[in-house]
Amino acid sequence: MTDRRARAEVTLRPAESADLDWLADLRAIVLRADLERLGRYDAVRVRQRLRDAYDPSVTRIVVVDGEDVGCIAVRREDDTHWIEHFYLARSHQGRGVGGRILSMVLQDDVLYRLNVLQGSAARRLYERHGFVVDREDEVDVFMSFDRTGRIEESGDR
């Protein structure tokens, strides 16, 4: 029997243009249940949205024990870092991999922002790492994690 929570080697490698097709498929698989629940799943559109936004220069591939299993993008916009396209293969969810990746990524003293689909289990992961809800709509929850202290000082959220 294999312990699914056994410590695995988790690394990030730079993304390449050649990663696009499997990442688009991964996105469709990972988001399908949440998008269907929200009445928004479209097999073509879910893949095309990644194709339209894919930027290998800000994307890292999640590698677990030598196997490519996901991705995360961190896009800089002024003094904010946007966490985007954070997807892990279902076989690697619930094993601590997502938390380890966030710990690797959340290193700079900057303002991090992201959005997550309403009802997604990923929201709990982000909250465990210090993200708080800024606002919500019927589809998305917009969250931030301020490593600068600026938001608390100003009282803005």
C-alpha atoms as a PDB file:
ATOM      1  CA  MET A   1       0.000   0.000   0.000  1.00  0.00           C
ATOM      2  CA  THR A   2       1.217   3.527  -0.782  1.00  0.00           C
ATOM      3  CA  ASP A   3       0.898   6.428   1.645  1.00  0.00           C
ATOM      4  CA  ARG A   4      -0.656   9.199  -0.497  1.00  0.00           C
ATOM      5  CA  ARG A   5       0.622  11.799   1.968  1.00  0.00           C
ATOM      6  CA  ALA A   6       4.228  10.568   1.935  1.00  0.00           C
ATOM      7  CA  ARG A   7       6.689  13.385   1.351  1.00  0.00           C
ATOM      8  CA  ALA A   8       7.232  13.720  -2.378  1.00  0.00           C
ATOM      9  CA  GLU A   9       9.849  15.762  -4.172  1.00  0.00           C
ATOM     10  CA  VAL A  10       8.033  18.866  -5.397  1.00  0.00           C
ATOM     11  CA  THR A  11       9.775  21.313  -7.724  1.00  0.00           C
ATOM     12  CA  LEU A  12       8.935  23.978 -10.257  1.00  0.00           C
ATOM     13  CA  ARG A  13      10.409  24.196 -13.720  1.00  0.00           C
ATOM     14  CA  PRO A  14      10.025  26.947 -16.320  1.00  0.00           C
ATOM     15  CA  ALA A  15       7.102  26.435 -18.680  1.00  0.00           C
ATOM     16  CA  GLU A  16       7.638  26.088 -22.392  1.00  0.00           C
ATOM     17  CA  SER A  17       5.411  26.740 -25.386  1.00  0.00           C
ATOM     18  CA  ALA A  18       5.172  22.960 -25.857  1.00  0.00           C
ATOM     19  CA  ASP A  19       3.358  22.656 -22.487  1.00  0.00           C
ATOM     20  CA  LEU A  20       0.296  24.543 -23.711  1.00  0.00           C
ATOM     21  CA  ASP A  21      -1.844  21.665 -25.011  1.00  0.00           C
ATOM     22  CA  TRP A  22      -1.591  19.420 -21.960  1.00  0.00           C
ATOM     23  CA  LEU A  23      -2.091  22.409 -19.659  1.00  0.00           C
ATOM     24  CA  ALA A  24      -5.265  23.400 -21.524  1.00  0.00           C
ATOM     25  CA  ASP A  25      -6.551  19.831 -21.100  1.00  0.00           C
ATOM     26  CA  LEU A  26      -5.546  19.825 -17.418  1.00  0.00           C
ATOM     27  CA  ARG A  27      -7.467  23.072 -16.856  1.00  0.00           C
ATOM     28  CA  ALA A  28     -10.579  21.574 -18.455  1.00  0.00           C
ATOM     29  CA  ILE A  29     -10.389  18.489 -16.232  1.00  0.00           C
ATOM     30  CA  VAL A  30      -9.641  20.345 -13.001  1.00  0.00           C
ATOM     31  CA  LEU A  31     -12.277  23.066 -13.426  1.00  0.00           C
ATOM     32  CA  ARG A  32     -15.027  20.933 -14.941  1.00  0.00           C
ATOM     33  CA  ALA A  33     -16.977  20.057 -11.766  1.00  0.00           C
ATOM     34  CA  ASP A  34     -16.933  23.635 -10.434  1.00  0.00           C
ATOM     35  CA  LEU A  35     -17.846  25.143 -13.809  1.00  0.00           C
ATOM     36  CA  GLU A  36     -20.658  22.620 -14.306  1.00  0.00           C
ATOM     37  CA  ARG A  37     -22.004  23.400 -10.829  1.00  0.00           C
ATOM     38  CA  LEU A  38     -21.993  27.096 -11.783  1.00  0.00           C
ATOM     39  CA  GLY A  39     -23.631  26.366 -15.157  1.00  0.00           C
ATOM     40  CA  ARG A  40     -20.583  27.643 -17.054  1.00  0.00           C
ATOM     41  CA  TYR A  41     -18.758  24.611 -18.406  1.00  0.00           C
ATOM     42  CA  ASP A  42     -17.931  24.714 -22.117  1.00  0.00           C
ATOM     43  CA  ALA A  43     -15.286  22.177 -23.212  1.00  0.00           C
ATOM     44  CA  VAL A  44     -13.905  24.442 -25.938  1.00  0.00           C
ATOM     45  CA  ARG A  45     -14.037  27.728 -24.028  1.00  0.00           C
ATOM     46  CA  VAL A  46     -12.346  26.359 -20.895  1.00  0.00           C
ATOM     47  CA  ARG A  47      -9.331  25.342 -22.981  1.00  0.00           C
ATOM     48  CA  GLN A  48      -9.335  28.465 -25.147  1.00  0.00           C
ATOM     49  CA  ARG A  49      -9.227  30.775 -22.127  1.00  0.00           C
ATOM     50  CA  LEU A  50      -5.910  29.225 -21.109  1.00  0.00           C
ATOM     51  CA  ARG A  51      -4.601  29.351 -24.679  1.00  0.00           C
ATOM     52  CA  ASP A  52      -5.477  33.054 -24.898  1.00  0.00           C
ATOM     53  CA  ALA A  53      -3.772  33.924 -21.593  1.00  0.00           C
ATOM     54  CA  TYR A  54      -0.835  31.500 -21.578  1.00  0.00           C
ATOM     55  CA  ASP A  55       2.498  33.198 -20.993  1.00  0.00           C
ATOM     56  CA  PRO A  56       5.336  30.711 -20.469  1.00  0.00           C
ATOM     57  CA  SER A  57       7.569  33.477 -19.106  1.00  0.00           C
ATOM     58  CA  VAL A  58       5.426  33.770 -15.937  1.00  0.00           C
ATOM     59  CA  THR A  59       4.312  30.140 -15.716  1.00  0.00           C
ATOM     60  CA  ARG A  60       6.005  27.331 -13.838  1.00  0.00           C
ATOM     61  CA  ILE A  61       5.274  23.647 -14.240  1.00  0.00           C
ATOM     62  CA  VAL A  62       4.683  21.700 -11.029  1.00  0.00           C
ATOM     63  CA  VAL A  63       6.828  18.565 -10.990  1.00  0.00           C
ATOM     64  CA  VAL A  64       6.236  15.839  -8.391  1.00  0.00           C
ATOM     65  CA  ASP A  65       8.742  13.016  -8.190  1.00  0.00           C
ATOM     66  CA  GLY A  66       9.865  13.795 -11.736  1.00  0.00           C
ATOM     67  CA  GLU A  67       6.345  13.923 -13.233  1.00  0.00           C
ATOM     68  CA  ASP A  68       4.717  17.098 -14.626  1.00  0.00           C
ATOM     69  CA  VAL A  69       1.423  17.371 -12.728  1.00  0.00           C
ATOM     70  CA  GLY A  70       0.338  20.999 -12.870  1.00  0.00           C
ATOM     71  CA  CYS A  71       1.169  24.641 -13.241  1.00  0.00           C
ATOM     72  CA  ILE A  72       1.076  28.021 -11.563  1.00  0.00           C
ATOM     73  CA  ALA A  73       1.543  31.475 -13.056  1.00  0.00           C
ATOM     74  CA  VAL A  74       2.593  34.578 -11.154  1.00  0.00           C
ATOM     75  CA  ARG A  75       2.009  37.702 -13.213  1.00  0.00           C
ATOM     76  CA  ARG A  76       3.351  41.039 -12.000  1.00  0.00           C
ATOM     77  CA  GLU A  77       1.188  44.108 -12.402  1.00  0.00           C
ATOM     78  CA  ASP A  78       2.670  47.219 -10.827  1.00  0.00           C
ATOM     79  CA  ASP A  79       3.262  46.306  -7.163  1.00  0.00           C
ATOM     80  CA  THR A  80       0.853  43.353  -7.202  1.00  0.00           C
ATOM     81  CA  HIS A  81       1.590  39.724  -8.022  1.00  0.00           C
ATOM     82  CA  TRP A  82      -1.393  37.898  -9.519  1.00  0.00           C
ATOM     83  CA  ILE A  83      -1.517  34.155  -8.943  1.00  0.00           C
ATOM     84  CA  GLU A  84      -3.189  32.638 -11.975  1.00  0.00           C
ATOM     85  CA  HIS A  85      -3.663  29.264 -13.611  1.00  0.00           C
ATOM     86  CA  PHE A  86      -2.852  27.187 -10.538  1.00  0.00           C
ATOM     87  CA  TYR A  87      -3.940  23.681 -11.499  1.00  0.00           C
ATOM     88  CA  LEU A  88      -2.897  20.298 -10.157  1.00  0.00           C
ATOM     89  CA  ALA A  89      -3.826  16.915 -11.581  1.00  0.00           C
ATOM     90  CA  ARG A  90      -6.545  15.327  -9.467  1.00  0.00           C
ATOM     91  CA  SER A  91      -4.134  12.503  -8.604  1.00  0.00           C
ATOM     92  CA  HIS A  92      -1.995  15.044  -6.731  1.00  0.00           C
ATOM     93  CA  GLN A  93      -4.709  17.046  -4.998  1.00  0.00           C
ATOM     94  CA  GLY A  94      -5.227  16.600  -1.263  1.00  0.00           C
ATOM     95  CA  ARG A  95      -1.622  15.484  -0.744  1.00  0.00           C
ATOM     96  CA  GLY A  96      -0.096  18.771   0.405  1.00  0.00           C
ATOM     97  CA  VAL A  97       1.387  19.599  -2.983  1.00  0.00           C
ATOM     98  CA  GLY A  98      -0.677  22.766  -3.450  1.00  0.00           C
ATOM     99  CA  GLY A  99       0.363  24.096  -0.054  1.00  0.00           C
ATOM    100  CA  ARG A 100       4.017  23.389  -0.755  1.00  0.00           C
ATOM    101  CA  ILE A 101       3.784  25.205  -4.092  1.00  0.00           C
ATOM    102  CA  LEU A 102       2.144  28.243  -2.476  1.00  0.00           C
ATOM    103  CA  SER A 103       4.874  28.308   0.173  1.00  0.00           C
ATOM    104  CA  MET A 104       7.471  28.379  -2.613  1.00  0.00           C
ATOM    105  CA  VAL A 105       5.689  31.139  -4.515  1.00  0.00           C
ATOM    106  CA  LEU A 106       4.639  33.459  -1.662  1.00  0.00           C
ATOM    107  CA  GLN A 107       8.146  34.648  -0.845  1.00  0.00           C
ATOM    108  CA  ASP A 108       8.227  38.322  -1.817  1.00  0.00           C
ATOM    109  CA  ASP A 109       6.962  41.149   0.373  1.00  0.00           C
ATOM    110  CA  VAL A 110       4.302  42.198  -2.106  1.00  0.00           C
ATOM    111  CA  LEU A 111       0.547  42.180  -2.440  1.00  0.00           C
ATOM    112  CA  TYR A 112      -0.698  38.894  -3.933  1.00  0.00           C
ATOM    113  CA  ARG A 113      -4.118  38.658  -5.555  1.00  0.00           C
ATOM    114  CA  LEU A 114      -6.117  35.851  -7.133  1.00  0.00           C
ATOM    115  CA  ASN A 115      -9.621  34.752  -7.867  1.00  0.00           C
ATOM    116  CA  VAL A 116     -11.156  31.347  -7.302  1.00  0.00           C
ATOM    117  CA  LEU A 117     -14.493  29.946  -8.438  1.00  0.00           C
ATOM    118  CA  GLN A 118     -17.380  30.090  -5.982  1.00  0.00           C
ATOM    119  CA  GLY A 119     -17.595  26.830  -4.041  1.00  0.00           C
ATOM    120  CA  SER A 120     -14.149  25.618  -5.069  1.00  0.00           C
ATOM    121  CA  ALA A 121     -12.195  23.587  -2.504  1.00  0.00           C
ATOM    122  CA  ALA A 122      -9.139  25.649  -3.518  1.00  0.00           C
ATOM    123  CA  ARG A 123     -10.522  28.563  -1.494  1.00  0.00           C
ATOM    124  CA  ARG A 124      -9.719  26.709   1.742  1.00  0.00           C
ATOM    125  CA  LEU A 125      -6.115  26.216   0.571  1.00  0.00           C
ATOM    126  CA  TYR A 126      -5.728  29.937  -0.062  1.00  0.00           C
ATOM    127  CA  GLU A 127      -7.313  30.844   3.273  1.00  0.00           C
ATOM    128  CA  ARG A 128      -4.912  28.482   5.104  1.00  0.00           C
ATOM    129  CA  HIS A 129      -2.060  30.443   3.520  1.00  0.00           C
ATOM    130  CA  GLY A 130      -3.374  33.814   4.675  1.00  0.00           C
ATOM    131  CA  PHE A 131      -5.525  34.985   1.765  1.00  0.00           C
ATOM    132  CA  VAL A 132      -8.652  36.922   2.688  1.00  0.00           C
ATOM    133  CA  VAL A 133     -11.757  37.672   0.664  1.00  0.00           C
ATOM    134  CA  ASP A 134     -11.861  41.129  -0.897  1.00  0.00           C
ATOM    135  CA  ARG A 135     -15.122  40.720  -2.771  1.00  0.00           C
ATOM    136  CA  GLU A 136     -17.339  38.114  -4.382  1.00  0.00           C
ATOM    137  CA  ASP A 137     -19.762  37.831  -7.245  1.00  0.00           C
ATOM    138  CA  GLU A 138     -21.955  34.963  -8.408  1.00  0.00           C
ATOM    139  CA  VAL A 139     -19.018  33.192 -10.101  1.00  0.00           C
ATOM    140  CA  ASP A 140     -15.760  34.333  -8.492  1.00  0.00           C
ATOM    141  CA  VAL A 141     -14.249  35.029  -5.098  1.00  0.00           C
ATOM    142  CA  PHE A 142     -11.493  37.660  -5.255  1.00  0.00           C
ATOM    143  CA  MET A 143      -8.824  37.257  -2.594  1.00  0.00           C
ATOM    144  CA  SER A 144      -5.596  38.928  -1.500  1.00  0.00           C
ATOM    145  CA  PHE A 145      -2.620  38.226   0.702  1.00  0.00           C
ATOM    146  CA  ASP A 146      -0.704  41.319   1.769  1.00  0.00           C
ATOM    147  CA  ARG A 147       2.912  40.685   2.703  1.00  0.00           C
ATOM    148  CA  THR A 148       3.628  44.433   2.722  1.00  0.00           C
ATOM    149  CA  GLY A 149       1.319  45.574   5.526  1.00  0.00           C
ATOM    150  CA  ARG A 150      -0.014  48.380   3.316  1.00  0.00           C
ATOM    151  CA  ILE A 151      -3.625  47.205   3.275  1.00  0.00           C
ATOM    152  CA  GLU A 152      -3.819  46.806   7.062  1.00  0.00           C
ATOM    153  CA  GLU A 153      -2.193  50.234   7.588  1.00  0.00           C
ATOM    154  CA  SER A 154      -4.610  51.980   5.227  1.00  0.00           C
ATOM    155  CA  GLY A 155      -7.673  49.994   6.241  1.00  0.00           C
ATOM    156  CA  ASP A 156      -8.410  49.297   2.558  1.00  0.00           C
ATOM    157  CA  ARG A 157      -9.599  45.916   1.414  1.00  0.00           C
END
